[in-house]
Amino acid sequence: MELRWKLAGLAMNRYYERNMIFFIPASLVLGFLFFPWFDSWSVAIPYLFAYITFVMALDCNVGQLVQTLKFPIPILLTLLLVHGVAPYLAYLLGSSMFGEGSPYIIGLVLFTIIPLGVSSVIWVRMIGGNVPLTLSLIVIDSMLSPFVVPWLIHLYFGELIQFDTMKVMLDLMKIIVIPTIIGVAVNEWTRGRALQWTGFVVGPISKISFSLVVLINAAVIAPLVHTFKSDLILLITASVIVILIGYALGWFGARWFRDTVILRTMMYSAGIKNISLGVVIGVTYFEPKAVVPIVLTILIQQPMATLIFQVLKKQSKDQSTS
């Protein structure tokens, strides 16, 4: 009986990962349709997110971090591109499309300064990239986020909005840094067996938690849909472009290494962001319109990852037959 439950849990986890492209938009739609039921659940979001971060960290150990730190250039270059170049390009994009002072600009820039997304590990594994390097990038970026996110928000919007920098830093410490440290510590303490022992339970629950975060955040902004209907086409276009900017910067940076594995790793690491954290920050600290571009990227990010996957897969096939 116990073996049956383990197999069922692992199968559910794999099924979710293979079908994220459907589950995430479905969660978003459910949140919009049934928002009166779920908008009051927003108090649970930080706890759900902390749990997701903890489970992610269970797959990372100190040895992986030390090993990848022997090759710091891909890590430093990726972080510089996604948090240095990408926010500037997003700011220019938002200003040109919506005009100076638009709250939509905040959402576009916020998308580029939030930490790298956990789901990039899934895509990097499937495309044959460097999984330890991806995990290290996510962990390092998450640990830096309490300093990077408030500083960049202040840099771009400090004169336009009232923003409690210290509160954001403390919140990010609670929902990102502390769960990450605990997860890595548990992995070390169990000598890498934590996920082997509990993966059939914690894995599916983390996936359900991820869907709930998306659903609840959609429910929070659903009553305001009418306020951005007229801008919807422009917003979708801007969201697609800002996601493509991440992939393009990852590709550009990786070209220096002339290594297919590094290229795939950097593209997905730079292209996939921790959107649910972005929505949490947006809903908590900014006006609702600022959250709209980030919510739209939830619909676009995984389909875009699928498209990039097909392109890279075709390139590999063509190279192997030439």
C-alpha atoms as a PDB file:
ATOM      1  CA  MET A   1       0.000   0.000   0.000  1.00  0.00           C
ATOM      2  CA  GLU A   2       2.805   2.442   0.910  1.00  0.00           C
ATOM      3  CA  LEU A   3       4.602   1.728  -2.372  1.00  0.00           C
ATOM      4  CA  ARG A   4       1.388   2.366  -4.274  1.00  0.00           C
ATOM      5  CA  TRP A   5       0.987   5.791  -2.645  1.00  0.00           C
ATOM      6  CA  LYS A   6       4.602   6.680  -3.415  1.00  0.00           C
ATOM      7  CA  LEU A   7       4.230   5.724  -7.065  1.00  0.00           C
ATOM      8  CA  ALA A   8       0.961   7.654  -7.306  1.00  0.00           C
ATOM      9  CA  GLY A   9       2.518  10.772  -5.770  1.00  0.00           C
ATOM     10  CA  LEU A  10       5.546  10.670  -8.059  1.00  0.00           C
ATOM     11  CA  ALA A  11       3.333  10.065 -11.097  1.00  0.00           C
ATOM     12  CA  MET A  12       1.177  13.054 -10.151  1.00  0.00           C
ATOM     13  CA  ASN A  13       4.272  15.228  -9.786  1.00  0.00           C
ATOM     14  CA  ARG A  14       5.577  14.226 -13.229  1.00  0.00           C
ATOM     15  CA  TYR A  15       2.141  14.698 -14.793  1.00  0.00           C
ATOM     16  CA  TYR A  16       1.938  18.255 -13.458  1.00  0.00           C
ATOM     17  CA  GLU A  17       5.421  19.109 -14.705  1.00  0.00           C
ATOM     18  CA  ARG A  18       4.642  17.811 -18.195  1.00  0.00           C
ATOM     19  CA  ASN A  19       1.351  19.718 -18.319  1.00  0.00           C
ATOM     20  CA  MET A  20       2.257  22.986 -16.595  1.00  0.00           C
ATOM     21  CA  ILE A  21       1.377  24.782 -19.799  1.00  0.00           C
ATOM     22  CA  PHE A  22      -2.268  23.829 -19.118  1.00  0.00           C
ATOM     23  CA  PHE A  23      -2.466  23.838 -15.311  1.00  0.00           C
ATOM     24  CA  ILE A  24      -1.143  27.368 -14.769  1.00  0.00           C
ATOM     25  CA  PRO A  25      -3.519  29.124 -17.212  1.00  0.00           C
ATOM     26  CA  ALA A  26      -6.368  26.989 -15.838  1.00  0.00           C
ATOM     27  CA  SER A  27      -5.571  28.204 -12.310  1.00  0.00           C
ATOM     28  CA  LEU A  28      -5.551  31.772 -13.575  1.00  0.00           C
ATOM     29  CA  VAL A  29      -8.925  31.391 -15.282  1.00  0.00           C
ATOM     30  CA  LEU A  30     -10.463  29.772 -12.187  1.00  0.00           C
ATOM     31  CA  GLY A  31      -9.238  32.668 -10.079  1.00  0.00           C
ATOM     32  CA  PHE A  32     -10.865  35.183 -12.410  1.00  0.00           C
ATOM     33  CA  LEU A  33     -14.146  33.250 -12.627  1.00  0.00           C
ATOM     34  CA  PHE A  34     -14.562  32.446  -8.937  1.00  0.00           C
ATOM     35  CA  PHE A  35     -12.831  35.422  -7.333  1.00  0.00           C
ATOM     36  CA  PRO A  36     -15.532  35.997  -4.673  1.00  0.00           C
ATOM     37  CA  TRP A  37     -14.573  32.641  -3.167  1.00  0.00           C
ATOM     38  CA  PHE A  38     -10.803  33.033  -3.259  1.00  0.00           C
ATOM     39  CA  ASP A  39      -9.822  36.690  -2.883  1.00  0.00           C
ATOM     40  CA  SER A  40      -9.932  36.407   0.921  1.00  0.00           C
ATOM     41  CA  TRP A  41      -7.328  33.632   0.760  1.00  0.00           C
ATOM     42  CA  SER A  42      -4.572  36.137  -0.019  1.00  0.00           C
ATOM     43  CA  VAL A  43      -3.286  35.901   3.571  1.00  0.00           C
ATOM     44  CA  ALA A  44      -2.121  32.364   2.773  1.00  0.00           C
ATOM     45  CA  ILE A  45       0.077  33.379  -0.179  1.00  0.00           C
ATOM     46  CA  PRO A  46       3.329  34.088   1.748  1.00  0.00           C
ATOM     47  CA  TYR A  47       3.082  30.719   3.511  1.00  0.00           C
ATOM     48  CA  LEU A  48       2.357  28.834   0.291  1.00  0.00           C
ATOM     49  CA  PHE A  49       5.245  30.579  -1.393  1.00  0.00           C
ATOM     50  CA  ALA A  50       7.638  29.869   1.474  1.00  0.00           C
ATOM     51  CA  TYR A  51       6.720  26.181   1.223  1.00  0.00           C
ATOM     52  CA  ILE A  52       7.344  26.142  -2.555  1.00  0.00           C
ATOM     53  CA  THR A  53      10.764  27.727  -1.996  1.00  0.00           C
ATOM     54  CA  PHE A  54      11.610  25.199   0.728  1.00  0.00           C
ATOM     55  CA  VAL A  55      10.786  22.233  -1.529  1.00  0.00           C
ATOM     56  CA  MET A  56      12.861  23.734  -4.345  1.00  0.00           C
ATOM     57  CA  ALA A  57      15.833  24.065  -1.977  1.00  0.00           C
ATOM     58  CA  LEU A  58      15.549  20.396  -0.968  1.00  0.00           C
ATOM     59  CA  ASP A  59      16.969  19.585  -4.398  1.00  0.00           C
ATOM     60  CA  CYS A  60      20.098  21.670  -3.845  1.00  0.00           C
ATOM     61  CA  ASN A  61      23.124  21.079  -1.649  1.00  0.00           C
ATOM     62  CA  VAL A  62      26.231  22.970  -0.648  1.00  0.00           C
ATOM     63  CA  GLY A  63      28.397  20.731  -2.841  1.00  0.00           C
ATOM     64  CA  GLN A  64      26.492  21.772  -5.970  1.00  0.00           C
ATOM     65  CA  LEU A  65      26.870  25.427  -5.055  1.00  0.00           C
ATOM     66  CA  VAL A  66      30.604  25.060  -4.434  1.00  0.00           C
ATOM     67  CA  GLN A  67      31.067  23.131  -7.684  1.00  0.00           C
ATOM     68  CA  THR A  68      29.299  25.727  -9.822  1.00  0.00           C
ATOM     69  CA  LEU A  69      31.062  28.600  -8.071  1.00  0.00           C
ATOM     70  CA  LYS A  70      34.275  27.285  -9.603  1.00  0.00           C
ATOM     71  CA  PHE A  71      32.836  28.640 -12.851  1.00  0.00           C
ATOM     72  CA  PRO A  72      31.502  32.024 -11.725  1.00  0.00           C
ATOM     73  CA  ILE A  73      31.402  33.794 -15.093  1.00  0.00           C
ATOM     74  CA  PRO A  74      28.119  32.236 -16.370  1.00  0.00           C
ATOM     75  CA  ILE A  75      26.478  32.987 -13.012  1.00  0.00           C
ATOM     76  CA  LEU A  76      27.708  36.584 -12.814  1.00  0.00           C
ATOM     77  CA  LEU A  77      26.905  37.261 -16.469  1.00  0.00           C
ATOM     78  CA  THR A  78      23.381  35.835 -16.189  1.00  0.00           C
ATOM     79  CA  LEU A  79      22.593  37.896 -13.090  1.00  0.00           C
ATOM     80  CA  LEU A  80      24.053  41.033 -14.671  1.00  0.00           C
ATOM     81  CA  LEU A  81      21.970  40.598 -17.818  1.00  0.00           C
ATOM     82  CA  VAL A  82      18.658  39.775 -16.103  1.00  0.00           C
ATOM     83  CA  HIS A  83      18.904  42.403 -13.357  1.00  0.00           C
ATOM     84  CA  GLY A  84      21.049  45.025 -15.060  1.00  0.00           C
ATOM     85  CA  VAL A  85      20.184  45.135 -18.754  1.00  0.00           C
ATOM     86  CA  ALA A  86      16.665  43.646 -18.730  1.00  0.00           C
ATOM     87  CA  PRO A  87      15.105  46.197 -16.289  1.00  0.00           C
ATOM     88  CA  TYR A  88      16.419  49.084 -18.378  1.00  0.00           C
ATOM     89  CA  LEU A  89      15.002  47.579 -21.576  1.00  0.00           C
ATOM     90  CA  ALA A  90      11.682  46.885 -19.818  1.00  0.00           C
ATOM     91  CA  TYR A  91      11.535  50.482 -18.614  1.00  0.00           C
ATOM     92  CA  LEU A  92      12.142  51.787 -22.136  1.00  0.00           C
ATOM     93  CA  LEU A  93       9.545  49.374 -23.513  1.00  0.00           C
ATOM     94  CA  GLY A  94       6.885  50.408 -20.991  1.00  0.00           C
ATOM     95  CA  SER A  95       7.570  54.112 -21.418  1.00  0.00           C
ATOM     96  CA  SER A  96       7.329  53.919 -25.213  1.00  0.00           C
ATOM     97  CA  MET A  97       4.133  51.837 -25.189  1.00  0.00           C
ATOM     98  CA  PHE A  98       2.200  53.375 -22.282  1.00  0.00           C
ATOM     99  CA  GLY A  99       3.829  56.747 -21.606  1.00  0.00           C
ATOM    100  CA  GLU A 100       5.893  58.004 -18.681  1.00  0.00           C
ATOM    101  CA  GLY A 101       4.318  57.461 -15.276  1.00  0.00           C
ATOM    102  CA  SER A 102       2.090  54.545 -16.303  1.00  0.00           C
ATOM    103  CA  PRO A 103       1.669  51.933 -13.551  1.00  0.00           C
ATOM    104  CA  TYR A 104       2.108  49.263 -16.213  1.00  0.00           C
ATOM    105  CA  ILE A 105       5.794  50.220 -16.417  1.00  0.00           C
ATOM    106  CA  ILE A 106       6.200  49.148 -12.783  1.00  0.00           C
ATOM    107  CA  GLY A 107       4.854  45.689 -13.606  1.00  0.00           C
ATOM    108  CA  LEU A 108       7.126  45.248 -16.619  1.00  0.00           C
ATOM    109  CA  VAL A 109      10.225  46.320 -14.693  1.00  0.00           C
ATOM    110  CA  LEU A 110       9.206  44.263 -11.656  1.00  0.00           C
ATOM    111  CA  PHE A 111       9.057  41.167 -13.878  1.00  0.00           C
ATOM    112  CA  THR A 112      12.735  41.639 -14.760  1.00  0.00           C
ATOM    113  CA  ILE A 113      14.008  42.219 -11.219  1.00  0.00           C
ATOM    114  CA  ILE A 114      12.266  39.348  -9.414  1.00  0.00           C
ATOM    115  CA  PRO A 115      14.390  36.213  -8.864  1.00  0.00           C
ATOM    116  CA  LEU A 116      14.797  33.450 -11.418  1.00  0.00           C
ATOM    117  CA  GLY A 117      11.998  30.896 -11.604  1.00  0.00           C
ATOM    118  CA  VAL A 118      12.090  27.405 -10.111  1.00  0.00           C
ATOM    119  CA  SER A 119      10.335  25.885 -13.139  1.00  0.00           C
ATOM    120  CA  SER A 120      13.428  26.623 -15.258  1.00  0.00           C
ATOM    121  CA  VAL A 121      14.975  23.516 -13.649  1.00  0.00           C
ATOM    122  CA  ILE A 122      12.337  21.344 -15.339  1.00  0.00           C
ATOM    123  CA  TRP A 123      13.018  22.805 -18.775  1.00  0.00           C
ATOM    124  CA  VAL A 124      16.810  22.753 -18.368  1.00  0.00           C
ATOM    125  CA  ARG A 125      16.630  19.074 -17.373  1.00  0.00           C
ATOM    126  CA  MET A 126      14.441  18.210 -20.373  1.00  0.00           C
ATOM    127  CA  ILE A 127      16.606  20.069 -22.908  1.00  0.00           C
ATOM    128  CA  GLY A 128      19.886  18.658 -21.579  1.00  0.00           C
ATOM    129  CA  GLY A 129      21.268  21.738 -19.844  1.00  0.00           C
ATOM    130  CA  ASN A 130      23.292  22.028 -16.640  1.00  0.00           C
ATOM    131  CA  VAL A 131      20.816  21.424 -13.799  1.00  0.00           C
ATOM    132  CA  PRO A 132      23.258  22.110 -10.899  1.00  0.00           C
ATOM    133  CA  LEU A 133      24.182  25.431 -12.516  1.00  0.00           C
ATOM    134  CA  THR A 134      20.499  26.340 -12.844  1.00  0.00           C
ATOM    135  CA  LEU A 135      19.784  25.403  -9.231  1.00  0.00           C
ATOM    136  CA  SER A 136      22.763  27.436  -8.068  1.00  0.00           C
ATOM    137  CA  LEU A 137      21.607  30.445 -10.081  1.00  0.00           C
ATOM    138  CA  ILE A 138      18.133  30.208  -8.536  1.00  0.00           C
ATOM    139  CA  VAL A 139      19.455  29.831  -4.989  1.00  0.00           C
ATOM    140  CA  ILE A 140      22.012  32.646  -5.310  1.00  0.00           C
ATOM    141  CA  ASP A 141      19.511  34.971  -6.969  1.00  0.00           C
ATOM    142  CA  SER A 142      16.893  34.169  -4.326  1.00  0.00           C
ATOM    143  CA  MET A 143      19.375  34.900  -1.539  1.00  0.00           C
ATOM    144  CA  LEU A 144      20.241  38.240  -3.149  1.00  0.00           C
ATOM    145  CA  SER A 145      16.608  39.212  -3.795  1.00  0.00           C
ATOM    146  CA  PRO A 146      16.018  41.048  -0.465  1.00  0.00           C
ATOM    147  CA  PHE A 147      18.701  43.510  -1.546  1.00  0.00           C
ATOM    148  CA  VAL A 148      18.343  43.501  -5.345  1.00  0.00           C
ATOM    149  CA  VAL A 149      14.561  43.922  -5.610  1.00  0.00           C
ATOM    150  CA  PRO A 150      14.108  46.922  -3.243  1.00  0.00           C
ATOM    151  CA  TRP A 151      17.231  48.651  -4.572  1.00  0.00           C
ATOM    152  CA  LEU A 152      16.173  48.388  -8.217  1.00  0.00           C
ATOM    153  CA  ILE A 153      12.600  49.465  -7.447  1.00  0.00           C
ATOM    154  CA  HIS A 154      13.973  52.501  -5.662  1.00  0.00           C
ATOM    155  CA  LEU A 155      16.389  53.170  -8.535  1.00  0.00           C
ATOM    156  CA  TYR A 156      13.649  53.230 -11.177  1.00  0.00           C
ATOM    157  CA  PHE A 157      10.633  54.490  -9.232  1.00  0.00           C
ATOM    158  CA  GLY A 158      11.919  55.999  -5.993  1.00  0.00           C
ATOM    159  CA  GLU A 159      10.715  59.495  -6.900  1.00  0.00           C
ATOM    160  CA  LEU A 160       7.293  58.317  -8.089  1.00  0.00           C
ATOM    161  CA  ILE A 161       6.040  55.918  -5.408  1.00  0.00           C
ATOM    162  CA  GLN A 162       6.131  55.486  -1.652  1.00  0.00           C
ATOM    163  CA  PHE A 163       7.895  52.215  -0.992  1.00  0.00           C
ATOM    164  CA  ASP A 164       8.849  50.609   2.329  1.00  0.00           C
ATOM    165  CA  THR A 165      12.257  49.185   1.394  1.00  0.00           C
ATOM    166  CA  MET A 166      12.939  47.605   4.769  1.00  0.00           C
ATOM    167  CA  LYS A 167       9.568  45.838   4.886  1.00  0.00           C
ATOM    168  CA  VAL A 168      10.138  44.373   1.421  1.00  0.00           C
ATOM    169  CA  MET A 169      13.579  43.144   2.470  1.00  0.00           C
ATOM    170  CA  LEU A 170      12.183  41.476   5.573  1.00  0.00           C
ATOM    171  CA  ASP A 171       9.295  39.892   3.650  1.00  0.00           C
ATOM    172  CA  LEU A 172      11.674  38.500   1.031  1.00  0.00           C
ATOM    173  CA  MET A 173      13.884  37.137   3.793  1.00  0.00           C
ATOM    174  CA  LYS A 174      10.885  35.285   5.243  1.00  0.00           C
ATOM    175  CA  ILE A 175       9.449  33.837   2.046  1.00  0.00           C
ATOM    176  CA  ILE A 176      12.636  33.286   0.023  1.00  0.00           C
ATOM    177  CA  VAL A 177      15.908  33.337   1.970  1.00  0.00           C
ATOM    178  CA  ILE A 178      14.962  31.516   5.185  1.00  0.00           C
ATOM    179  CA  PRO A 179      13.055  28.662   3.437  1.00  0.00           C
ATOM    180  CA  THR A 180      15.981  28.291   1.024  1.00  0.00           C
ATOM    181  CA  ILE A 181      18.503  28.004   3.865  1.00  0.00           C
ATOM    182  CA  ILE A 182      16.291  25.499   5.698  1.00  0.00           C
ATOM    183  CA  GLY A 183      15.765  23.426   2.547  1.00  0.00           C
ATOM    184  CA  VAL A 184      19.480  23.236   1.740  1.00  0.00           C
ATOM    185  CA  ALA A 185      20.245  22.441   5.412  1.00  0.00           C
ATOM    186  CA  VAL A 186      17.693  19.591   5.461  1.00  0.00           C
ATOM    187  CA  ASN A 187      19.156  18.217   2.239  1.00  0.00           C
ATOM    188  CA  GLU A 188      22.633  18.295   3.765  1.00  0.00           C
ATOM    189  CA  TRP A 189      21.457  16.795   7.059  1.00  0.00           C
ATOM    190  CA  THR A 190      19.751  13.870   5.269  1.00  0.00           C
ATOM    191  CA  ARG A 191      22.719  13.475   2.892  1.00  0.00           C
ATOM    192  CA  GLY A 192      20.544  14.165  -0.131  1.00  0.00           C
ATOM    193  CA  ARG A 193      17.821  11.697   0.832  1.00  0.00           C
ATOM    194  CA  ALA A 194      15.142  14.201   1.851  1.00  0.00           C
ATOM    195  CA  LEU A 195      13.437  14.245  -1.540  1.00  0.00           C
ATOM    196  CA  GLN A 196      13.847  10.480  -1.916  1.00  0.00           C
ATOM    197  CA  TRP A 197      11.980   9.967   1.358  1.00  0.00           C
ATOM    198  CA  THR A 198       9.330  12.648   0.980  1.00  0.00           C
ATOM    199  CA  GLY A 199       9.229  13.629  -2.708  1.00  0.00           C
ATOM    200  CA  PHE A 200       6.032  11.695  -3.389  1.00  0.00           C
ATOM    201  CA  VAL A 201       4.284  13.946  -0.841  1.00  0.00           C
ATOM    202  CA  VAL A 202       6.080  17.309  -0.818  1.00  0.00           C
ATOM    203  CA  GLY A 203       6.392  17.401  -4.627  1.00  0.00           C
ATOM    204  CA  PRO A 204       2.659  17.198  -5.460  1.00  0.00           C
ATOM    205  CA  ILE A 205       1.793  19.524  -2.571  1.00  0.00           C
ATOM    206  CA  SER A 206       4.272  22.129  -3.858  1.00  0.00           C
ATOM    207  CA  LYS A 207       2.661  21.918  -7.320  1.00  0.00           C
ATOM    208  CA  ILE A 208      -0.806  22.368  -5.809  1.00  0.00           C
ATOM    209  CA  SER A 209       0.551  25.289  -3.773  1.00  0.00           C
ATOM    210  CA  PHE A 210       1.950  26.878  -6.930  1.00  0.00           C
ATOM    211  CA  SER A 211      -1.424  26.616  -8.664  1.00  0.00           C
ATOM    212  CA  LEU A 212      -3.139  28.061  -5.581  1.00  0.00           C
ATOM    213  CA  VAL A 213      -0.782  31.054  -5.553  1.00  0.00           C
ATOM    214  CA  VAL A 214      -1.678  31.771  -9.181  1.00  0.00           C
ATOM    215  CA  LEU A 215      -5.407  31.235  -8.547  1.00  0.00           C
ATOM    216  CA  ILE A 216      -5.549  33.459  -5.459  1.00  0.00           C
ATOM    217  CA  ASN A 217      -3.569  36.265  -7.075  1.00  0.00           C
ATOM    218  CA  ALA A 218      -5.876  36.172 -10.088  1.00  0.00           C
ATOM    219  CA  ALA A 219      -8.858  36.389  -7.726  1.00  0.00           C
ATOM    220  CA  VAL A 220      -7.373  39.463  -6.036  1.00  0.00           C
ATOM    221  CA  ILE A 221      -7.160  41.485  -9.261  1.00  0.00           C
ATOM    222  CA  ALA A 222     -10.235  40.013 -11.002  1.00  0.00           C
ATOM    223  CA  PRO A 223     -12.625  42.787  -9.852  1.00  0.00           C
ATOM    224  CA  LEU A 224     -10.366  45.305 -11.629  1.00  0.00           C
ATOM    225  CA  VAL A 225     -10.346  43.669 -15.069  1.00  0.00           C
ATOM    226  CA  HIS A 226     -12.597  46.384 -16.506  1.00  0.00           C
ATOM    227  CA  THR A 227      -9.944  49.031 -15.734  1.00  0.00           C
ATOM    228  CA  PHE A 228      -7.421  47.656 -18.241  1.00  0.00           C
ATOM    229  CA  LYS A 229      -9.633  46.154 -20.966  1.00  0.00           C
ATOM    230  CA  SER A 230      -8.835  48.959 -23.400  1.00  0.00           C
ATOM    231  CA  ASP A 231      -5.087  48.341 -22.981  1.00  0.00           C
ATOM    232  CA  LEU A 232      -5.265  44.553 -23.184  1.00  0.00           C
ATOM    233  CA  ILE A 233      -3.713  44.097 -26.643  1.00  0.00           C
ATOM    234  CA  LEU A 234      -0.821  46.420 -25.817  1.00  0.00           C
ATOM    235  CA  LEU A 235      -0.353  44.726 -22.441  1.00  0.00           C
ATOM    236  CA  ILE A 236      -0.208  41.243 -23.979  1.00  0.00           C
ATOM    237  CA  THR A 237       2.283  42.502 -26.586  1.00  0.00           C
ATOM    238  CA  ALA A 238       4.457  44.109 -23.907  1.00  0.00           C
ATOM    239  CA  SER A 239       4.345  40.955 -21.784  1.00  0.00           C
ATOM    240  CA  VAL A 240       5.438  38.784 -24.707  1.00  0.00           C
ATOM    241  CA  ILE A 241       8.301  41.159 -25.526  1.00  0.00           C
ATOM    242  CA  VAL A 242       9.573  41.409 -21.958  1.00  0.00           C
ATOM    243  CA  ILE A 243       9.695  37.599 -21.705  1.00  0.00           C
ATOM    244  CA  LEU A 244      11.514  37.381 -25.023  1.00  0.00           C
ATOM    245  CA  ILE A 245      14.029  39.939 -23.764  1.00  0.00           C
ATOM    246  CA  GLY A 246      15.043  37.504 -21.006  1.00  0.00           C
ATOM    247  CA  TYR A 247      15.563  34.606 -23.411  1.00  0.00           C
ATOM    248  CA  ALA A 248      17.404  36.836 -25.891  1.00  0.00           C
ATOM    249  CA  LEU A 249      19.775  38.142 -23.210  1.00  0.00           C
ATOM    250  CA  GLY A 250      20.447  34.582 -22.000  1.00  0.00           C
ATOM    251  CA  TRP A 251      21.206  33.506 -25.567  1.00  0.00           C
ATOM    252  CA  PHE A 252      23.410  36.547 -26.197  1.00  0.00           C
ATOM    253  CA  GLY A 253      25.401  36.057 -22.987  1.00  0.00           C
ATOM    254  CA  ALA A 254      25.870  32.329 -23.594  1.00  0.00           C
ATOM    255  CA  ARG A 255      27.264  32.878 -27.093  1.00  0.00           C
ATOM    256  CA  TRP A 256      30.544  33.929 -25.488  1.00  0.00           C
ATOM    257  CA  PHE A 257      31.091  30.409 -24.122  1.00  0.00           C
ATOM    258  CA  ARG A 258      30.443  28.499 -27.354  1.00  0.00           C
ATOM    259  CA  ASP A 259      28.970  25.676 -25.283  1.00  0.00           C
ATOM    260  CA  THR A 260      25.536  24.238 -26.142  1.00  0.00           C
ATOM    261  CA  VAL A 261      24.871  23.102 -22.566  1.00  0.00           C
ATOM    262  CA  ILE A 262      25.677  26.560 -21.156  1.00  0.00           C
ATOM    263  CA  LEU A 263      23.566  28.216 -23.862  1.00  0.00           C
ATOM    264  CA  ARG A 264      20.496  26.139 -23.001  1.00  0.00           C
ATOM    265  CA  THR A 265      21.032  26.668 -19.289  1.00  0.00           C
ATOM    266  CA  MET A 266      21.450  30.437 -19.525  1.00  0.00           C
ATOM    267  CA  MET A 267      18.525  30.873 -21.919  1.00  0.00           C
ATOM    268  CA  TYR A 268      16.037  29.158 -19.631  1.00  0.00           C
ATOM    269  CA  SER A 269      17.531  30.609 -16.454  1.00  0.00           C
ATOM    270  CA  ALA A 270      17.272  34.149 -17.854  1.00  0.00           C
ATOM    271  CA  GLY A 271      13.911  33.607 -19.539  1.00  0.00           C
ATOM    272  CA  ILE A 272      11.880  32.099 -16.703  1.00  0.00           C
ATOM    273  CA  LYS A 273      11.170  34.291 -13.682  1.00  0.00           C
ATOM    274  CA  ASN A 274       9.533  33.733 -10.313  1.00  0.00           C
ATOM    275  CA  ILE A 275       6.258  35.292 -11.453  1.00  0.00           C
ATOM    276  CA  SER A 276       4.194  34.279  -8.441  1.00  0.00           C
ATOM    277  CA  LEU A 277       6.640  36.206  -6.216  1.00  0.00           C
ATOM    278  CA  GLY A 278       6.296  39.167  -8.557  1.00  0.00           C
ATOM    279  CA  VAL A 279       2.527  39.070  -8.166  1.00  0.00           C
ATOM    280  CA  VAL A 280       2.869  38.820  -4.383  1.00  0.00           C
ATOM    281  CA  ILE A 281       5.112  41.897  -4.311  1.00  0.00           C
ATOM    282  CA  GLY A 282       2.902  43.746  -6.790  1.00  0.00           C
ATOM    283  CA  VAL A 283      -0.357  43.098  -4.949  1.00  0.00           C
ATOM    284  CA  THR A 284       1.210  43.939  -1.578  1.00  0.00           C
ATOM    285  CA  TYR A 285       3.061  47.142  -2.437  1.00  0.00           C
ATOM    286  CA  PHE A 286       1.681  48.674  -5.633  1.00  0.00           C
ATOM    287  CA  GLU A 287      -1.612  49.698  -7.163  1.00  0.00           C
ATOM    288  CA  PRO A 288      -3.514  46.850  -8.879  1.00  0.00           C
ATOM    289  CA  LYS A 289      -2.774  48.051 -12.419  1.00  0.00           C
ATOM    290  CA  ALA A 290       0.932  47.534 -11.805  1.00  0.00           C
ATOM    291  CA  VAL A 291       0.272  43.815 -11.285  1.00  0.00           C
ATOM    292  CA  VAL A 292      -1.531  43.297 -14.616  1.00  0.00           C
ATOM    293  CA  PRO A 293       1.583  42.794 -16.820  1.00  0.00           C
ATOM    294  CA  ILE A 294       2.962  40.223 -14.385  1.00  0.00           C
ATOM    295  CA  VAL A 295      -0.340  38.321 -14.259  1.00  0.00           C
ATOM    296  CA  LEU A 296      -0.386  38.221 -18.051  1.00  0.00           C
ATOM    297  CA  THR A 297       3.131  36.777 -18.114  1.00  0.00           C
ATOM    298  CA  ILE A 298       1.730  33.801 -16.160  1.00  0.00           C
ATOM    299  CA  LEU A 299      -0.286  32.944 -19.268  1.00  0.00           C
ATOM    300  CA  ILE A 300       2.675  33.488 -21.598  1.00  0.00           C
ATOM    301  CA  GLN A 301       5.769  32.225 -19.772  1.00  0.00           C
ATOM    302  CA  GLN A 302       5.169  28.454 -19.982  1.00  0.00           C
ATOM    303  CA  PRO A 303       3.891  28.468 -23.620  1.00  0.00           C
ATOM    304  CA  MET A 304       6.970  30.530 -24.494  1.00  0.00           C
ATOM    305  CA  ALA A 305       9.185  27.991 -22.701  1.00  0.00           C
ATOM    306  CA  THR A 306       7.540  25.249 -24.777  1.00  0.00           C
ATOM    307  CA  LEU A 307       8.189  27.170 -28.000  1.00  0.00           C
ATOM    308  CA  ILE A 308      11.851  27.747 -27.087  1.00  0.00           C
ATOM    309  CA  PHE A 309      12.130  24.050 -26.219  1.00  0.00           C
ATOM    310  CA  GLN A 310      10.882  23.051 -29.672  1.00  0.00           C
ATOM    311  CA  VAL A 311      13.293  25.477 -31.377  1.00  0.00           C
ATOM    312  CA  LEU A 312      16.310  24.199 -29.412  1.00  0.00           C
ATOM    313  CA  LYS A 313      15.246  20.597 -29.950  1.00  0.00           C
ATOM    314  CA  LYS A 314      14.978  21.164 -33.716  1.00  0.00           C
ATOM    315  CA  GLN A 315      18.407  22.817 -33.770  1.00  0.00           C
ATOM    316  CA  SER A 316      19.916  19.797 -31.975  1.00  0.00           C
ATOM    317  CA  LYS A 317      18.259  17.439 -34.458  1.00  0.00           C
ATOM    318  CA  ASP A 318      19.496  19.448 -37.438  1.00  0.00           C
ATOM    319  CA  GLN A 319      23.053  19.561 -36.038  1.00  0.00           C
ATOM    320  CA  SER A 320      23.079  15.799 -35.429  1.00  0.00           C
ATOM    321  CA  THR A 321      21.957  15.038 -38.994  1.00  0.00           C
ATOM    322  CA  SER A 322      24.274  17.543 -40.703  1.00  0.00           C
END
